[in-house]
Amino acid sequence: MSWRPATVPGIMLAVVLALLPGTALHAWQFGTVVLMQTAWCVLFAWLVEAGSLRLRGLPLRRGLADLSWLVSGWLMARALPVMVPVWMMLLAMVVALGIVKHGSGGLGRNRLNPVMAGLGVIAVCFYQLLYPAPSLLAPWTRELDLAEVLAQQLMLAPRLQMDALSSATPLATGLLDEAAHYLSWIGYLAGGVLLAAIRVIRLEIPLAMMASSTLLCMLAGHSFVEGLHSLTLGGYLFAAFFIATDPVTSPDSRLGRVLFGVLIGAVTEMVREFGLYADGLCFAILTANLLVPQLDRLARRLRPPTRRWQRA
């Protein structure tokens, strides 16, 4: 008996339910801004999806009923840095759903992961306008009340002045062997395992990502414990289970998915160690998305031929 949801809306609702534990832990650690950002992104996802359907002359009720916009909005809220203004959230959703998804023909036809494409535009074009990630030891966002969060998101108050550490700082300061203070990875790991158990996702990609990143982290001079700790930093496990496993933008074959995960893990670790950005997940996933056809072809070549035994 399979517990896999039988419909697209059922699958989308399962993904949202699996996101709840990680989102709750993220909000408990970093404050009201997490919930507000989620609300804004879901609202903008609904508006952009409805507008795109209208422009394409498609029925709104049927298009909105698949709930893919809800998952995209929820994922975008977690993928974006905290404290981005509402116009950045809207722009990210326009890129994700209006351009990448509907510009490619709609659900199931996009080559790039829409959420990562929207995040990539924000990261590249507006890097200097983003707040530094809150320190794991003293998250400053937790001290902001609802009014202060809204004032910053709507740009009704002066920009906050602070000097906070990024979530990837331990990679550069040799603190990977300390206990992880970032908590939401526990919830996203549990949610990812749940999705795997009900066969909404397959584990080849996240397992290959984690193995690849850990190995490269060790080759870069860190210990095995530090390599495992690096998996709890940033949004690594969130992306591994909820972004990279998107069936539309990942390989069809099992070996292809393994190669896909290895590539994402390797690029992520290289950006973390040597790149400008605190985390390379966005660029790693988009790079792997573009190479999906090549990875599937390589997987077919590497797969051992099937031997057919005939009776004498």
C-alpha atoms as a PDB file:
ATOM      1  CA  MET A   1       0.000   0.000   0.000  1.00  0.00           C
ATOM      2  CA  SER A   2       1.347   3.423  -0.967  1.00  0.00           C
ATOM      3  CA  TRP A   3       0.726   6.500   1.145  1.00  0.00           C
ATOM      4  CA  ARG A   4       1.758   8.828  -1.666  1.00  0.00           C
ATOM      5  CA  PRO A   5      -0.867  11.530  -2.350  1.00  0.00           C
ATOM      6  CA  ALA A   6      -2.717  10.746  -5.569  1.00  0.00           C
ATOM      7  CA  THR A   7      -3.278  14.290  -6.853  1.00  0.00           C
ATOM      8  CA  VAL A   8      -1.167  17.393  -7.460  1.00  0.00           C
ATOM      9  CA  PRO A   9      -3.024  19.417  -4.783  1.00  0.00           C
ATOM     10  CA  GLY A  10      -2.532  16.505  -2.378  1.00  0.00           C
ATOM     11  CA  ILE A  11       1.203  16.473  -3.048  1.00  0.00           C
ATOM     12  CA  MET A  12       1.422  20.238  -2.584  1.00  0.00           C
ATOM     13  CA  LEU A  13      -0.443  20.079   0.718  1.00  0.00           C
ATOM     14  CA  ALA A  14       1.879  17.291   1.872  1.00  0.00           C
ATOM     15  CA  VAL A  15       4.888  19.498   1.103  1.00  0.00           C
ATOM     16  CA  VAL A  16       3.393  22.420   3.035  1.00  0.00           C
ATOM     17  CA  LEU A  17       2.670  20.188   6.028  1.00  0.00           C
ATOM     18  CA  ALA A  18       6.240  18.866   5.896  1.00  0.00           C
ATOM     19  CA  LEU A  19       7.510  22.464   5.913  1.00  0.00           C
ATOM     20  CA  LEU A  20       5.654  23.360   9.106  1.00  0.00           C
ATOM     21  CA  PRO A  21       8.131  21.946  11.671  1.00  0.00           C
ATOM     22  CA  GLY A  22      11.118  23.726  10.117  1.00  0.00           C
ATOM     23  CA  THR A  23       9.167  26.959   9.694  1.00  0.00           C
ATOM     24  CA  ALA A  24       7.999  26.857  13.305  1.00  0.00           C
ATOM     25  CA  LEU A  25      11.542  26.338  14.610  1.00  0.00           C
ATOM     26  CA  HIS A  26      12.849  29.069  12.299  1.00  0.00           C
ATOM     27  CA  ALA A  27      10.219  31.512  13.580  1.00  0.00           C
ATOM     28  CA  TRP A  28      10.891  30.535  17.214  1.00  0.00           C
ATOM     29  CA  GLN A  29      14.587  31.304  16.750  1.00  0.00           C
ATOM     30  CA  PHE A  30      14.439  34.393  14.546  1.00  0.00           C
ATOM     31  CA  GLY A  31      11.134  35.993  15.440  1.00  0.00           C
ATOM     32  CA  THR A  32       8.042  37.487  13.855  1.00  0.00           C
ATOM     33  CA  VAL A  33       9.831  38.379  10.633  1.00  0.00           C
ATOM     34  CA  VAL A  34       9.752  34.720   9.541  1.00  0.00           C
ATOM     35  CA  LEU A  35       5.961  34.536   9.779  1.00  0.00           C
ATOM     36  CA  MET A  36       5.464  37.920   8.136  1.00  0.00           C
ATOM     37  CA  GLN A  37       7.809  37.053   5.282  1.00  0.00           C
ATOM     38  CA  THR A  38       5.930  33.804   4.744  1.00  0.00           C
ATOM     39  CA  ALA A  39       2.593  35.633   4.650  1.00  0.00           C
ATOM     40  CA  TRP A  40       3.858  38.221   2.163  1.00  0.00           C
ATOM     41  CA  CYS A  41       5.427  35.653  -0.159  1.00  0.00           C
ATOM     42  CA  VAL A  42       2.341  33.432  -0.179  1.00  0.00           C
ATOM     43  CA  LEU A  43       0.157  36.458  -0.940  1.00  0.00           C
ATOM     44  CA  PHE A  44       2.430  37.571  -3.778  1.00  0.00           C
ATOM     45  CA  ALA A  45       2.605  34.028  -5.125  1.00  0.00           C
ATOM     46  CA  TRP A  46      -1.197  33.923  -5.328  1.00  0.00           C
ATOM     47  CA  LEU A  47      -1.352  37.325  -7.039  1.00  0.00           C
ATOM     48  CA  VAL A  48       1.398  36.545  -9.566  1.00  0.00           C
ATOM     49  CA  GLU A  49      -0.076  33.114 -10.317  1.00  0.00           C
ATOM     50  CA  ALA A  50      -3.536  34.593 -10.842  1.00  0.00           C
ATOM     51  CA  GLY A  51      -2.170  37.403 -12.998  1.00  0.00           C
ATOM     52  CA  SER A  52      -0.110  35.007 -15.105  1.00  0.00           C
ATOM     53  CA  LEU A  53      -3.095  32.712 -15.649  1.00  0.00           C
ATOM     54  CA  ARG A  54      -5.217  35.689 -16.666  1.00  0.00           C
ATOM     55  CA  LEU A  55      -2.589  36.941 -19.133  1.00  0.00           C
ATOM     56  CA  ARG A  56      -2.358  33.462 -20.674  1.00  0.00           C
ATOM     57  CA  GLY A  57      -6.140  33.217 -20.966  1.00  0.00           C
ATOM     58  CA  LEU A  58      -6.356  30.197 -18.663  1.00  0.00           C
ATOM     59  CA  PRO A  59      -9.144  29.560 -16.132  1.00  0.00           C
ATOM     60  CA  LEU A  60      -8.237  30.929 -12.705  1.00  0.00           C
ATOM     61  CA  ARG A  61     -10.079  28.356 -10.629  1.00  0.00           C
ATOM     62  CA  ARG A  62      -8.434  25.380 -12.291  1.00  0.00           C
ATOM     63  CA  GLY A  63      -4.999  26.989 -12.348  1.00  0.00           C
ATOM     64  CA  LEU A  64      -5.051  28.024  -8.706  1.00  0.00           C
ATOM     65  CA  ALA A  65      -6.510  24.725  -7.539  1.00  0.00           C
ATOM     66  CA  ASP A  66      -3.243  22.805  -7.960  1.00  0.00           C
ATOM     67  CA  LEU A  67      -1.771  24.806  -5.027  1.00  0.00           C
ATOM     68  CA  SER A  68       1.691  24.936  -6.636  1.00  0.00           C
ATOM     69  CA  TRP A  69       1.692  28.692  -6.007  1.00  0.00           C
ATOM     70  CA  LEU A  70       1.264  28.040  -2.267  1.00  0.00           C
ATOM     71  CA  VAL A  71       4.343  25.812  -2.170  1.00  0.00           C
ATOM     72  CA  SER A  72       6.348  28.291  -4.257  1.00  0.00           C
ATOM     73  CA  GLY A  73       5.435  31.175  -1.959  1.00  0.00           C
ATOM     74  CA  TRP A  74       6.254  29.198   1.176  1.00  0.00           C
ATOM     75  CA  LEU A  75       9.588  28.031  -0.223  1.00  0.00           C
ATOM     76  CA  MET A  76      10.500  31.527  -1.403  1.00  0.00           C
ATOM     77  CA  ALA A  77       9.840  32.958   2.061  1.00  0.00           C
ATOM     78  CA  ARG A  78      12.379  30.554   3.554  1.00  0.00           C
ATOM     79  CA  ALA A  79      14.877  30.901   0.708  1.00  0.00           C
ATOM     80  CA  LEU A  80      15.067  34.705   0.794  1.00  0.00           C
ATOM     81  CA  PRO A  81      17.241  36.398   3.424  1.00  0.00           C
ATOM     82  CA  VAL A  82      15.341  37.778   6.395  1.00  0.00           C
ATOM     83  CA  MET A  83      14.204  41.395   6.425  1.00  0.00           C
ATOM     84  CA  VAL A  84      14.007  41.904   2.676  1.00  0.00           C
ATOM     85  CA  PRO A  85      11.494  44.630   1.720  1.00  0.00           C
ATOM     86  CA  VAL A  86       8.176  43.652   0.175  1.00  0.00           C
ATOM     87  CA  TRP A  87       9.183  44.859  -3.289  1.00  0.00           C
ATOM     88  CA  MET A  88      12.030  42.334  -3.322  1.00  0.00           C
ATOM     89  CA  MET A  89       9.632  39.565  -2.346  1.00  0.00           C
ATOM     90  CA  LEU A  90       7.274  40.615  -5.132  1.00  0.00           C
ATOM     91  CA  LEU A  91      10.097  40.800  -7.668  1.00  0.00           C
ATOM     92  CA  ALA A  92      11.334  37.353  -6.656  1.00  0.00           C
ATOM     93  CA  MET A  93       7.843  35.897  -7.131  1.00  0.00           C
ATOM     94  CA  VAL A  94       7.416  37.613 -10.512  1.00  0.00           C
ATOM     95  CA  VAL A  95      10.678  36.061 -11.683  1.00  0.00           C
ATOM     96  CA  ALA A  96       9.822  32.667 -10.181  1.00  0.00           C
ATOM     97  CA  LEU A  97       6.219  32.261 -11.282  1.00  0.00           C
ATOM     98  CA  GLY A  98       5.641  34.905 -13.931  1.00  0.00           C
ATOM     99  CA  ILE A  99       8.841  34.401 -15.914  1.00  0.00           C
ATOM    100  CA  VAL A 100      10.382  31.017 -15.114  1.00  0.00           C
ATOM    101  CA  LYS A 101       7.210  28.970 -14.586  1.00  0.00           C
ATOM    102  CA  HIS A 102       4.599  30.535 -16.860  1.00  0.00           C
ATOM    103  CA  GLY A 103       7.170  31.860 -19.318  1.00  0.00           C
ATOM    104  CA  SER A 104       8.140  28.226 -19.896  1.00  0.00           C
ATOM    105  CA  GLY A 105       4.574  27.076 -20.435  1.00  0.00           C
ATOM    106  CA  GLY A 106       3.325  26.438 -16.914  1.00  0.00           C
ATOM    107  CA  LEU A 107       3.605  23.760 -14.254  1.00  0.00           C
ATOM    108  CA  GLY A 108       5.928  20.929 -15.232  1.00  0.00           C
ATOM    109  CA  ARG A 109       7.591  22.698 -18.179  1.00  0.00           C
ATOM    110  CA  ASN A 110      10.210  24.920 -16.526  1.00  0.00           C
ATOM    111  CA  ARG A 111      13.895  24.044 -16.915  1.00  0.00           C
ATOM    112  CA  LEU A 112      15.058  26.022 -13.859  1.00  0.00           C
ATOM    113  CA  ASN A 113      13.754  25.780 -10.337  1.00  0.00           C
ATOM    114  CA  PRO A 114      11.499  28.865 -10.060  1.00  0.00           C
ATOM    115  CA  VAL A 115      12.280  29.621  -6.405  1.00  0.00           C
ATOM    116  CA  MET A 116      16.042  29.449  -6.966  1.00  0.00           C
ATOM    117  CA  ALA A 117      15.752  31.630 -10.067  1.00  0.00           C
ATOM    118  CA  GLY A 118      13.876  34.290  -8.096  1.00  0.00           C
ATOM    119  CA  LEU A 119      16.393  34.093  -5.258  1.00  0.00           C
ATOM    120  CA  GLY A 120      19.278  34.277  -7.732  1.00  0.00           C
ATOM    121  CA  VAL A 121      18.026  37.570  -9.175  1.00  0.00           C
ATOM    122  CA  ILE A 122      17.762  39.082  -5.689  1.00  0.00           C
ATOM    123  CA  ALA A 123      21.164  37.763  -4.612  1.00  0.00           C
ATOM    124  CA  VAL A 124      22.996  39.003  -7.707  1.00  0.00           C
ATOM    125  CA  CYS A 125      21.243  42.325  -8.329  1.00  0.00           C
ATOM    126  CA  PHE A 126      20.669  43.541  -4.768  1.00  0.00           C
ATOM    127  CA  TYR A 127      23.450  41.934  -2.750  1.00  0.00           C
ATOM    128  CA  GLN A 128      24.487  45.250  -1.171  1.00  0.00           C
ATOM    129  CA  LEU A 129      20.929  45.975   0.013  1.00  0.00           C
ATOM    130  CA  LEU A 130      20.496  42.749   1.984  1.00  0.00           C
ATOM    131  CA  TYR A 131      20.844  42.654   5.739  1.00  0.00           C
ATOM    132  CA  PRO A 132      23.512  40.304   7.082  1.00  0.00           C
ATOM    133  CA  ALA A 133      22.086  37.062   8.391  1.00  0.00           C
ATOM    134  CA  PRO A 134      21.309  37.162  12.117  1.00  0.00           C
ATOM    135  CA  SER A 135      23.946  35.786  14.441  1.00  0.00           C
ATOM    136  CA  LEU A 136      23.047  32.311  15.656  1.00  0.00           C
ATOM    137  CA  LEU A 137      24.158  33.241  19.159  1.00  0.00           C
ATOM    138  CA  ALA A 138      22.154  36.481  19.351  1.00  0.00           C
ATOM    139  CA  PRO A 139      19.590  36.789  16.530  1.00  0.00           C
ATOM    140  CA  TRP A 140      18.752  40.468  16.376  1.00  0.00           C
ATOM    141  CA  THR A 141      15.540  39.867  14.408  1.00  0.00           C
ATOM    142  CA  ARG A 142      13.983  38.171  17.434  1.00  0.00           C
ATOM    143  CA  GLU A 143      13.928  41.500  19.275  1.00  0.00           C
ATOM    144  CA  LEU A 144      11.782  43.211  16.615  1.00  0.00           C
ATOM    145  CA  ASP A 145       8.045  43.393  17.190  1.00  0.00           C
ATOM    146  CA  LEU A 146       5.397  43.225  14.457  1.00  0.00           C
ATOM    147  CA  ALA A 147       5.250  46.992  13.937  1.00  0.00           C
ATOM    148  CA  GLU A 148       9.036  47.255  13.553  1.00  0.00           C
ATOM    149  CA  VAL A 149       9.117  44.340  11.109  1.00  0.00           C
ATOM    150  CA  LEU A 150       6.358  45.858   8.970  1.00  0.00           C
ATOM    151  CA  ALA A 151       8.044  49.272   9.024  1.00  0.00           C
ATOM    152  CA  GLN A 152      11.231  47.723   7.658  1.00  0.00           C
ATOM    153  CA  GLN A 153       9.478  45.534   5.087  1.00  0.00           C
ATOM    154  CA  LEU A 154       7.382  48.445   3.816  1.00  0.00           C
ATOM    155  CA  MET A 155      10.398  50.803   4.004  1.00  0.00           C
ATOM    156  CA  LEU A 156       8.536  53.201   6.296  1.00  0.00           C
ATOM    157  CA  ALA A 157      11.429  53.462   8.750  1.00  0.00           C
ATOM    158  CA  PRO A 158      15.166  54.127   8.325  1.00  0.00           C
ATOM    159  CA  ARG A 159      17.265  51.101   7.542  1.00  0.00           C
ATOM    160  CA  LEU A 160      18.651  49.402  10.647  1.00  0.00           C
ATOM    161  CA  GLN A 161      22.348  49.843  11.340  1.00  0.00           C
ATOM    162  CA  MET A 162      24.136  46.749  12.607  1.00  0.00           C
ATOM    163  CA  ASP A 163      27.115  44.505  12.220  1.00  0.00           C
ATOM    164  CA  ALA A 164      25.848  40.926  12.350  1.00  0.00           C
ATOM    165  CA  LEU A 165      27.574  37.666  11.515  1.00  0.00           C
ATOM    166  CA  SER A 166      26.427  35.587   8.574  1.00  0.00           C
ATOM    167  CA  SER A 167      25.227  32.048   9.069  1.00  0.00           C
ATOM    168  CA  ALA A 168      28.245  30.765   7.158  1.00  0.00           C
ATOM    169  CA  THR A 169      30.805  32.531   9.349  1.00  0.00           C
ATOM    170  CA  PRO A 170      31.766  29.288  11.156  1.00  0.00           C
ATOM    171  CA  LEU A 171      33.141  27.959   7.875  1.00  0.00           C
ATOM    172  CA  ALA A 172      35.741  30.693   7.836  1.00  0.00           C
ATOM    173  CA  THR A 173      36.499  30.982  11.523  1.00  0.00           C
ATOM    174  CA  GLY A 174      37.100  27.370  12.467  1.00  0.00           C
ATOM    175  CA  LEU A 175      34.073  27.118  14.736  1.00  0.00           C
ATOM    176  CA  LEU A 176      32.462  24.180  12.999  1.00  0.00           C
ATOM    177  CA  ASP A 177      33.187  21.873  15.895  1.00  0.00           C
ATOM    178  CA  GLU A 178      30.969  23.868  18.259  1.00  0.00           C
ATOM    179  CA  ALA A 179      27.374  22.845  18.868  1.00  0.00           C
ATOM    180  CA  ALA A 180      25.023  24.092  16.149  1.00  0.00           C
ATOM    181  CA  HIS A 181      22.681  26.792  17.378  1.00  0.00           C
ATOM    182  CA  TYR A 182      20.698  26.851  14.153  1.00  0.00           C
ATOM    183  CA  LEU A 183      17.572  24.827  14.928  1.00  0.00           C
ATOM    184  CA  SER A 184      15.264  24.739  11.922  1.00  0.00           C
ATOM    185  CA  TRP A 185      17.397  22.106  10.156  1.00  0.00           C
ATOM    186  CA  ILE A 186      15.901  19.567  12.577  1.00  0.00           C
ATOM    187  CA  GLY A 187      12.396  20.387  11.382  1.00  0.00           C
ATOM    188  CA  TYR A 188      13.347  20.362   7.703  1.00  0.00           C
ATOM    189  CA  LEU A 189      15.164  17.052   8.108  1.00  0.00           C
ATOM    190  CA  ALA A 190      12.084  15.550   9.770  1.00  0.00           C
ATOM    191  CA  GLY A 191       9.827  16.983   7.066  1.00  0.00           C
ATOM    192  CA  GLY A 192      12.078  15.680   4.319  1.00  0.00           C
ATOM    193  CA  VAL A 193      12.115  12.192   5.808  1.00  0.00           C
ATOM    194  CA  LEU A 194       8.310  12.325   5.987  1.00  0.00           C
ATOM    195  CA  LEU A 195       8.064  13.251   2.307  1.00  0.00           C
ATOM    196  CA  ALA A 196      10.400  10.391   1.443  1.00  0.00           C
ATOM    197  CA  ALA A 197       8.340   7.983   3.547  1.00  0.00           C
ATOM    198  CA  ILE A 198       5.135   8.845   1.671  1.00  0.00           C
ATOM    199  CA  ARG A 199       7.066   8.766  -1.642  1.00  0.00           C
ATOM    200  CA  VAL A 200       6.632  12.415  -2.559  1.00  0.00           C
ATOM    201  CA  ILE A 201      10.411  12.768  -2.938  1.00  0.00           C
ATOM    202  CA  ARG A 202      13.314  10.352  -3.390  1.00  0.00           C
ATOM    203  CA  LEU A 203      16.380  10.395  -1.191  1.00  0.00           C
ATOM    204  CA  GLU A 204      19.115   9.989  -3.824  1.00  0.00           C
ATOM    205  CA  ILE A 205      19.540  13.741  -4.282  1.00  0.00           C
ATOM    206  CA  PRO A 206      19.743  14.891  -0.623  1.00  0.00           C
ATOM    207  CA  LEU A 207      21.945  11.941   0.360  1.00  0.00           C
ATOM    208  CA  ALA A 208      24.320  12.567  -2.564  1.00  0.00           C
ATOM    209  CA  MET A 209      24.401  16.286  -1.733  1.00  0.00           C
ATOM    210  CA  MET A 210      25.290  15.659   1.892  1.00  0.00           C
ATOM    211  CA  ALA A 211      27.972  13.092   1.058  1.00  0.00           C
ATOM    212  CA  SER A 212      29.540  15.340  -1.576  1.00  0.00           C
ATOM    213  CA  SER A 213      29.590  18.459   0.617  1.00  0.00           C
ATOM    214  CA  THR A 214      30.937  16.589   3.640  1.00  0.00           C
ATOM    215  CA  LEU A 215      33.728  14.995   1.622  1.00  0.00           C
ATOM    216  CA  LEU A 216      34.793  18.280   0.009  1.00  0.00           C
ATOM    217  CA  CYS A 217      34.614  20.046   3.368  1.00  0.00           C
ATOM    218  CA  MET A 218      37.061  17.468   4.726  1.00  0.00           C
ATOM    219  CA  LEU A 219      39.323  17.837   1.674  1.00  0.00           C
ATOM    220  CA  ALA A 220      39.362  21.588   2.358  1.00  0.00           C
ATOM    221  CA  GLY A 221      40.965  20.898   5.730  1.00  0.00           C
ATOM    222  CA  HIS A 222      37.997  20.494   8.081  1.00  0.00           C
ATOM    223  CA  SER A 223      37.323  17.461  10.258  1.00  0.00           C
ATOM    224  CA  PHE A 224      34.533  14.950   9.673  1.00  0.00           C
ATOM    225  CA  VAL A 225      32.523  16.471  12.538  1.00  0.00           C
ATOM    226  CA  GLU A 226      32.965  19.921  11.027  1.00  0.00           C
ATOM    227  CA  GLY A 227      31.807  18.574   7.672  1.00  0.00           C
ATOM    228  CA  LEU A 228      28.637  17.200   9.229  1.00  0.00           C
ATOM    229  CA  HIS A 229      28.118  20.460  11.116  1.00  0.00           C
ATOM    230  CA  SER A 230      28.312  22.403   7.856  1.00  0.00           C
ATOM    231  CA  LEU A 231      25.162  20.590   6.708  1.00  0.00           C
ATOM    232  CA  THR A 232      23.193  22.292   9.496  1.00  0.00           C
ATOM    233  CA  LEU A 233      24.250  25.793   8.438  1.00  0.00           C
ATOM    234  CA  GLY A 234      22.256  28.154   6.284  1.00  0.00           C
ATOM    235  CA  GLY A 235      19.414  26.470   4.425  1.00  0.00           C
ATOM    236  CA  TYR A 236      21.324  23.360   3.375  1.00  0.00           C
ATOM    237  CA  LEU A 237      18.902  20.658   4.515  1.00  0.00           C
ATOM    238  CA  PHE A 238      15.921  22.798   3.550  1.00  0.00           C
ATOM    239  CA  ALA A 239      17.261  23.065   0.004  1.00  0.00           C
ATOM    240  CA  ALA A 240      18.364  19.426  -0.099  1.00  0.00           C
ATOM    241  CA  PHE A 241      14.913  18.027   0.721  1.00  0.00           C
ATOM    242  CA  PHE A 242      12.507  20.710  -0.532  1.00  0.00           C
ATOM    243  CA  ILE A 243      14.226  22.446  -3.468  1.00  0.00           C
ATOM    244  CA  ALA A 244      16.693  20.115  -5.153  1.00  0.00           C
ATOM    245  CA  THR A 245      14.199  17.220  -5.154  1.00  0.00           C
ATOM    246  CA  ASP A 246      11.760  19.067  -7.434  1.00  0.00           C
ATOM    247  CA  PRO A 247      10.891  16.327  -9.973  1.00  0.00           C
ATOM    248  CA  VAL A 248      10.433  18.827 -12.810  1.00  0.00           C
ATOM    249  CA  THR A 249      13.969  20.231 -12.630  1.00  0.00           C
ATOM    250  CA  SER A 250      15.913  17.116 -11.605  1.00  0.00           C
ATOM    251  CA  PRO A 251      16.940  13.991 -13.565  1.00  0.00           C
ATOM    252  CA  ASP A 252      14.557  11.113 -14.217  1.00  0.00           C
ATOM    253  CA  SER A 253      17.023   8.270 -13.675  1.00  0.00           C
ATOM    254  CA  ARG A 254      18.260   7.128 -10.263  1.00  0.00           C
ATOM    255  CA  LEU A 255      21.936   7.432 -11.214  1.00  0.00           C
ATOM    256  CA  GLY A 256      21.191  10.807 -12.778  1.00  0.00           C
ATOM    257  CA  ARG A 257      19.734  11.994  -9.498  1.00  0.00           C
ATOM    258  CA  VAL A 258      22.838  10.807  -7.655  1.00  0.00           C
ATOM    259  CA  LEU A 259      25.077  12.734 -10.059  1.00  0.00           C
ATOM    260  CA  PHE A 260      22.751  15.729  -9.737  1.00  0.00           C
ATOM    261  CA  GLY A 261      23.097  15.692  -5.936  1.00  0.00           C
ATOM    262  CA  VAL A 262      26.863  15.258  -6.076  1.00  0.00           C
ATOM    263  CA  LEU A 263      27.150  18.258  -8.399  1.00  0.00           C
ATOM    264  CA  ILE A 264      24.996  20.467  -6.163  1.00  0.00           C
ATOM    265  CA  GLY A 265      26.939  19.498  -3.062  1.00  0.00           C
ATOM    266  CA  ALA A 266      30.285  20.114  -4.758  1.00  0.00           C
ATOM    267  CA  VAL A 267      29.377  23.540  -6.154  1.00  0.00           C
ATOM    268  CA  THR A 268      27.817  24.586  -2.851  1.00  0.00           C
ATOM    269  CA  GLU A 269      30.948  23.705  -0.915  1.00  0.00           C
ATOM    270  CA  MET A 270      33.228  25.469  -3.390  1.00  0.00           C
ATOM    271  CA  VAL A 271      31.178  28.668  -3.147  1.00  0.00           C
ATOM    272  CA  ARG A 272      31.149  28.424   0.646  1.00  0.00           C
ATOM    273  CA  GLU A 273      34.907  27.988   0.830  1.00  0.00           C
ATOM    274  CA  PHE A 274      36.100  30.293  -1.943  1.00  0.00           C
ATOM    275  CA  GLY A 275      33.167  32.383  -3.193  1.00  0.00           C
ATOM    276  CA  LEU A 276      31.778  35.820  -2.451  1.00  0.00           C
ATOM    277  CA  TYR A 277      28.403  34.651  -1.194  1.00  0.00           C
ATOM    278  CA  ALA A 278      27.799  33.149   2.239  1.00  0.00           C
ATOM    279  CA  ASP A 279      26.006  30.173   0.711  1.00  0.00           C
ATOM    280  CA  GLY A 280      26.169  28.730  -2.801  1.00  0.00           C
ATOM    281  CA  LEU A 281      23.021  26.600  -2.787  1.00  0.00           C
ATOM    282  CA  CYS A 282      21.091  28.831  -5.156  1.00  0.00           C
ATOM    283  CA  PHE A 283      23.809  28.900  -7.800  1.00  0.00           C
ATOM    284  CA  ALA A 284      24.596  25.214  -7.337  1.00  0.00           C
ATOM    285  CA  ILE A 285      20.990  24.144  -7.905  1.00  0.00           C
ATOM    286  CA  LEU A 286      20.537  26.408 -10.941  1.00  0.00           C
ATOM    287  CA  THR A 287      23.790  25.079 -12.435  1.00  0.00           C
ATOM    288  CA  ALA A 288      22.635  21.507 -11.927  1.00  0.00           C
ATOM    289  CA  ASN A 289      19.208  22.336 -13.401  1.00  0.00           C
ATOM    290  CA  LEU A 290      20.864  23.428 -16.644  1.00  0.00           C
ATOM    291  CA  LEU A 291      22.854  20.185 -16.818  1.00  0.00           C
ATOM    292  CA  VAL A 292      19.945  17.773 -16.227  1.00  0.00           C
ATOM    293  CA  PRO A 293      19.831  16.469 -19.836  1.00  0.00           C
ATOM    294  CA  GLN A 294      23.593  15.898 -19.828  1.00  0.00           C
ATOM    295  CA  LEU A 295      23.425  14.148 -16.450  1.00  0.00           C
ATOM    296  CA  ASP A 296      20.670  11.829 -17.671  1.00  0.00           C
ATOM    297  CA  ARG A 297      22.687  10.970 -20.793  1.00  0.00           C
ATOM    298  CA  LEU A 298      25.792  10.340 -18.692  1.00  0.00           C
ATOM    299  CA  ALA A 299      23.768   8.131 -16.357  1.00  0.00           C
ATOM    300  CA  ARG A 300      22.558   6.027 -19.288  1.00  0.00           C
ATOM    301  CA  ARG A 301      26.141   5.566 -20.475  1.00  0.00           C
ATOM    302  CA  LEU A 302      27.395   4.591 -17.024  1.00  0.00           C
ATOM    303  CA  ARG A 303      24.557   2.193 -16.323  1.00  0.00           C
ATOM    304  CA  PRO A 304      25.699  -1.404 -16.800  1.00  0.00           C
ATOM    305  CA  PRO A 305      23.938  -3.235 -19.642  1.00  0.00           C
ATOM    306  CA  THR A 306      21.178  -5.617 -18.683  1.00  0.00           C
ATOM    307  CA  ARG A 307      21.992  -9.227 -19.429  1.00  0.00           C
ATOM    308  CA  ARG A 308      19.274 -11.341 -20.808  1.00  0.00           C
ATOM    309  CA  TRP A 309      19.637 -15.025 -20.081  1.00  0.00           C
ATOM    310  CA  GLN A 310      18.115 -17.368 -22.556  1.00  0.00           C
ATOM    311  CA  ARG A 311      17.303 -21.024 -22.109  1.00  0.00           C
ATOM    312  CA  ALA A 312      19.519 -23.325 -24.065  1.00  0.00           C
END
